[in-house]
Amino acid sequence: MEHDVAALTVELTDMAAADHQSSIRANSDDPAEQLVWRRLTARHGDRLGEIMNEYGWPTAALVGEEAARAAWLIAQHADRQLDVQRRALQLMEQAVSAGSASPRELAFLRDRTLVNEGRKQIYGTQIAGVKDGVPIPWPCEAPEGMDRLRTEVGIEPFDEYVAKFAMP
């Protein structure tokens, strides 16, 4: 089991590195590049599903901080695998309740899953695009209470967050 967990830690961090290296393809105008990205994230999503079936949510206590963050990143990018995102969300909620996962990362995953379901997000973490240099978020459930909710989970205020995406 110990060897399995060590191998899992390496596998998750390797998947996140490949994700990071390939992420430029996600927004490419070249359909072939986009396809490479989709295949990679689908393969990773499938594997994360298997990992969750075997281990539950890969917490930092199980696989270490870096690999736990890698699992979250893989779940975030499993946009075309809602079953994987929903399962990750459910397991991550339990882990956050137990104090073994990040409420901040959970907030991002919750918003991403809601947007992928065609629903309004809660924390305003998902940006639909940039228009005239201004980031446009996907619609939000209750925009007036958003910054309070963001503060509760350790996310900077919305205006500071979107400033990162603004084009000069």
Protein backbone atom coordinates (compact mmCIF):
# COMPACT_ATOMS: atom_id res chain seq x y z
CA MET A 1 0.00 0.00 0.00
CA GLU A 2 2.81 2.41 0.89
CA HIS A 3 4.47 1.79 -2.47
CA ASP A 4 1.11 2.32 -4.20
CA VAL A 5 0.66 5.69 -2.50
CA ALA A 6 4.21 6.76 -3.42
CA ALA A 7 3.54 5.79 -7.04
CA LEU A 8 0.20 7.63 -6.92
CA THR A 9 1.92 10.78 -5.64
CA VAL A 10 4.36 10.71 -8.55
CA GLU A 11 1.59 9.93 -11.04
CA LEU A 12 -0.58 12.86 -9.90
CA THR A 13 2.29 15.37 -9.97
CA ASP A 14 3.36 14.12 -13.41
CA MET A 15 -0.21 14.52 -14.70
CA ALA A 16 -0.35 18.09 -13.37
CA ALA A 17 2.99 18.89 -15.02
CA ALA A 18 1.73 17.53 -18.36
CA ASP A 19 -1.49 19.52 -17.88
CA HIS A 20 0.46 22.70 -17.21
CA GLN A 21 2.74 22.14 -20.19
CA SER A 22 -0.22 21.49 -22.50
CA SER A 23 -2.60 24.17 -21.15
CA ILE A 24 -1.51 26.69 -23.77
CA ARG A 25 -3.25 24.43 -26.30
CA ALA A 26 -6.62 24.89 -24.58
CA ASN A 27 -7.04 28.40 -26.00
CA SER A 28 -5.29 27.79 -29.30
CA ASP A 29 -7.00 28.68 -32.56
CA ASP A 30 -5.64 25.45 -34.01
CA PRO A 31 -8.22 22.62 -33.73
CA ALA A 32 -5.42 20.03 -33.66
CA GLU A 33 -3.89 21.74 -30.60
CA GLN A 34 -7.30 21.91 -28.89
CA LEU A 35 -7.78 18.22 -29.59
CA VAL A 36 -4.44 17.39 -27.93
CA TRP A 37 -5.63 19.33 -24.84
CA ARG A 38 -9.02 17.60 -24.80
CA ARG A 39 -7.45 14.15 -25.10
CA LEU A 40 -5.01 14.89 -22.29
CA THR A 41 -7.65 16.24 -19.91
CA ALA A 42 -10.02 13.35 -20.75
CA ARG A 43 -7.30 10.78 -20.09
CA HIS A 44 -6.44 12.50 -16.81
CA GLY A 45 -10.11 12.76 -15.85
CA ASP A 46 -10.59 9.04 -16.47
CA ARG A 47 -7.58 8.24 -14.33
CA LEU A 48 -8.72 10.57 -11.54
CA GLY A 49 -12.05 8.72 -11.56
CA GLU A 50 -10.19 5.43 -11.03
CA ILE A 51 -8.07 6.98 -8.26
CA MET A 52 -11.17 8.33 -6.47
CA ASN A 53 -12.81 4.90 -6.68
CA GLU A 54 -9.78 3.30 -5.08
CA TYR A 55 -8.60 5.93 -2.57
CA GLY A 56 -11.40 8.48 -2.20
CA TRP A 57 -10.20 12.07 -2.48
CA PRO A 58 -6.38 12.18 -2.68
CA THR A 59 -5.74 14.42 0.33
CA ALA A 60 -2.42 16.00 1.31
CA ALA A 61 -2.28 13.53 4.23
CA LEU A 62 -2.37 10.67 1.71
CA VAL A 63 -0.29 11.94 -1.22
CA GLY A 64 1.33 15.18 -0.04
CA GLU A 65 0.48 18.82 -0.70
CA GLU A 66 1.69 19.00 -4.32
CA ALA A 67 -0.07 15.82 -5.46
CA ALA A 68 -3.30 16.81 -3.67
CA ARG A 69 -3.24 20.13 -5.53
CA ALA A 70 -2.54 18.19 -8.74
CA ALA A 71 -5.68 16.08 -8.17
CA TRP A 72 -7.71 19.27 -7.74
CA LEU A 73 -6.24 20.74 -10.95
CA ILE A 74 -7.12 17.57 -12.87
CA ALA A 75 -10.68 17.74 -11.54
CA GLN A 76 -10.88 21.44 -12.51
CA HIS A 77 -9.89 20.62 -16.07
CA ALA A 78 -12.20 17.61 -16.48
CA ASP A 79 -14.72 19.97 -18.07
CA ARG A 80 -16.18 17.41 -20.46
CA GLN A 81 -16.49 14.76 -17.74
CA LEU A 82 -19.14 16.15 -15.43
CA ASP A 83 -19.45 12.79 -13.66
CA VAL A 84 -15.77 13.06 -12.65
CA GLN A 85 -16.14 16.71 -11.60
CA ARG A 86 -19.28 15.99 -9.56
CA ARG A 87 -17.63 13.01 -7.83
CA ALA A 88 -14.51 15.07 -7.09
CA LEU A 89 -16.71 17.86 -5.73
CA GLN A 90 -18.57 15.44 -3.45
CA LEU A 91 -15.40 13.80 -2.14
CA MET A 92 -13.63 17.12 -1.77
CA GLU A 93 -16.58 18.53 0.22
CA GLN A 94 -16.22 15.63 2.65
CA ALA A 95 -12.46 16.21 2.85
CA VAL A 96 -12.95 19.94 3.54
CA SER A 97 -15.50 19.11 6.28
CA ALA A 98 -12.90 16.79 7.83
CA GLY A 99 -10.27 19.55 7.59
CA SER A 100 -8.15 17.62 5.09
CA ALA A 101 -8.68 19.69 1.91
CA SER A 102 -8.66 23.36 0.94
CA PRO A 103 -11.96 25.32 1.13
CA ARG A 104 -10.46 27.72 -1.43
CA GLU A 105 -9.84 24.96 -3.97
CA LEU A 106 -13.29 23.53 -3.26
CA ALA A 107 -14.85 26.93 -4.07
CA PHE A 108 -13.09 27.00 -7.46
CA LEU A 109 -14.21 23.43 -8.23
CA ARG A 110 -17.79 24.17 -7.15
CA ASP A 111 -17.96 27.21 -9.48
CA ARG A 112 -16.36 25.30 -12.36
CA THR A 113 -18.84 22.43 -11.97
CA LEU A 114 -21.83 24.79 -11.75
CA VAL A 115 -20.75 26.63 -14.91
CA ASN A 116 -20.25 23.30 -16.71
CA GLU A 117 -23.78 22.35 -15.68
CA GLY A 118 -25.06 25.60 -17.22
CA ARG A 119 -25.85 27.10 -13.81
CA LYS A 120 -24.79 30.30 -12.08
CA GLN A 121 -21.57 30.22 -10.08
CA ILE A 122 -21.33 31.19 -6.41
CA TYR A 123 -17.83 32.62 -5.86
CA GLY A 124 -17.22 34.31 -9.23
CA THR A 125 -14.04 32.35 -9.93
CA GLN A 126 -14.84 31.41 -13.53
CA ILE A 127 -14.15 33.98 -16.23
CA ALA A 128 -16.12 33.59 -19.48
CA GLY A 129 -13.80 35.80 -21.51
CA VAL A 130 -12.28 39.25 -21.90
CA LYS A 131 -14.10 42.04 -23.71
CA ASP A 132 -12.32 45.33 -24.46
CA GLY A 133 -9.61 44.35 -21.96
CA VAL A 134 -12.14 43.72 -19.19
CA PRO A 135 -12.63 40.21 -17.78
CA ILE A 136 -16.25 39.05 -17.93
CA PRO A 137 -17.23 36.41 -15.36
CA TRP A 138 -19.84 33.75 -15.96
CA PRO A 139 -23.14 34.77 -14.30
CA CYS A 140 -23.18 34.66 -10.51
CA GLU A 141 -25.94 33.48 -8.17
CA ALA A 142 -25.77 36.43 -5.74
CA PRO A 143 -23.13 38.94 -6.87
CA GLU A 144 -23.79 41.27 -3.92
CA GLY A 145 -22.69 38.61 -1.38
CA MET A 146 -19.89 37.19 -3.48
CA ASP A 147 -16.93 38.99 -1.85
CA ARG A 148 -18.07 37.92 1.63
CA LEU A 149 -18.22 34.29 0.48
CA ARG A 150 -14.85 34.65 -1.24
CA THR A 151 -13.27 35.99 1.97
CA GLU A 152 -14.68 33.04 3.97
CA VAL A 153 -12.77 30.56 1.77
CA GLY A 154 -9.59 32.62 1.34
CA ILE A 155 -10.10 34.06 -2.15
CA GLU A 156 -9.17 37.69 -2.78
CA PRO A 157 -12.00 40.19 -3.53
CA PHE A 158 -13.48 39.88 -7.02
CA ASP A 159 -12.03 43.17 -8.34
CA GLU A 160 -8.49 42.14 -7.34
CA TYR A 161 -9.01 38.69 -8.85
CA VAL A 162 -10.25 39.90 -12.25
CA ALA A 163 -7.49 42.50 -12.44
CA LYS A 164 -5.12 39.52 -13.00
CA PHE A 165 -6.97 38.68 -16.22
CA ALA A 166 -7.25 42.23 -17.57
CA MET A 167 -5.36 42.96 -20.77
CA PRO A 168 -3.07 46.00 -20.60
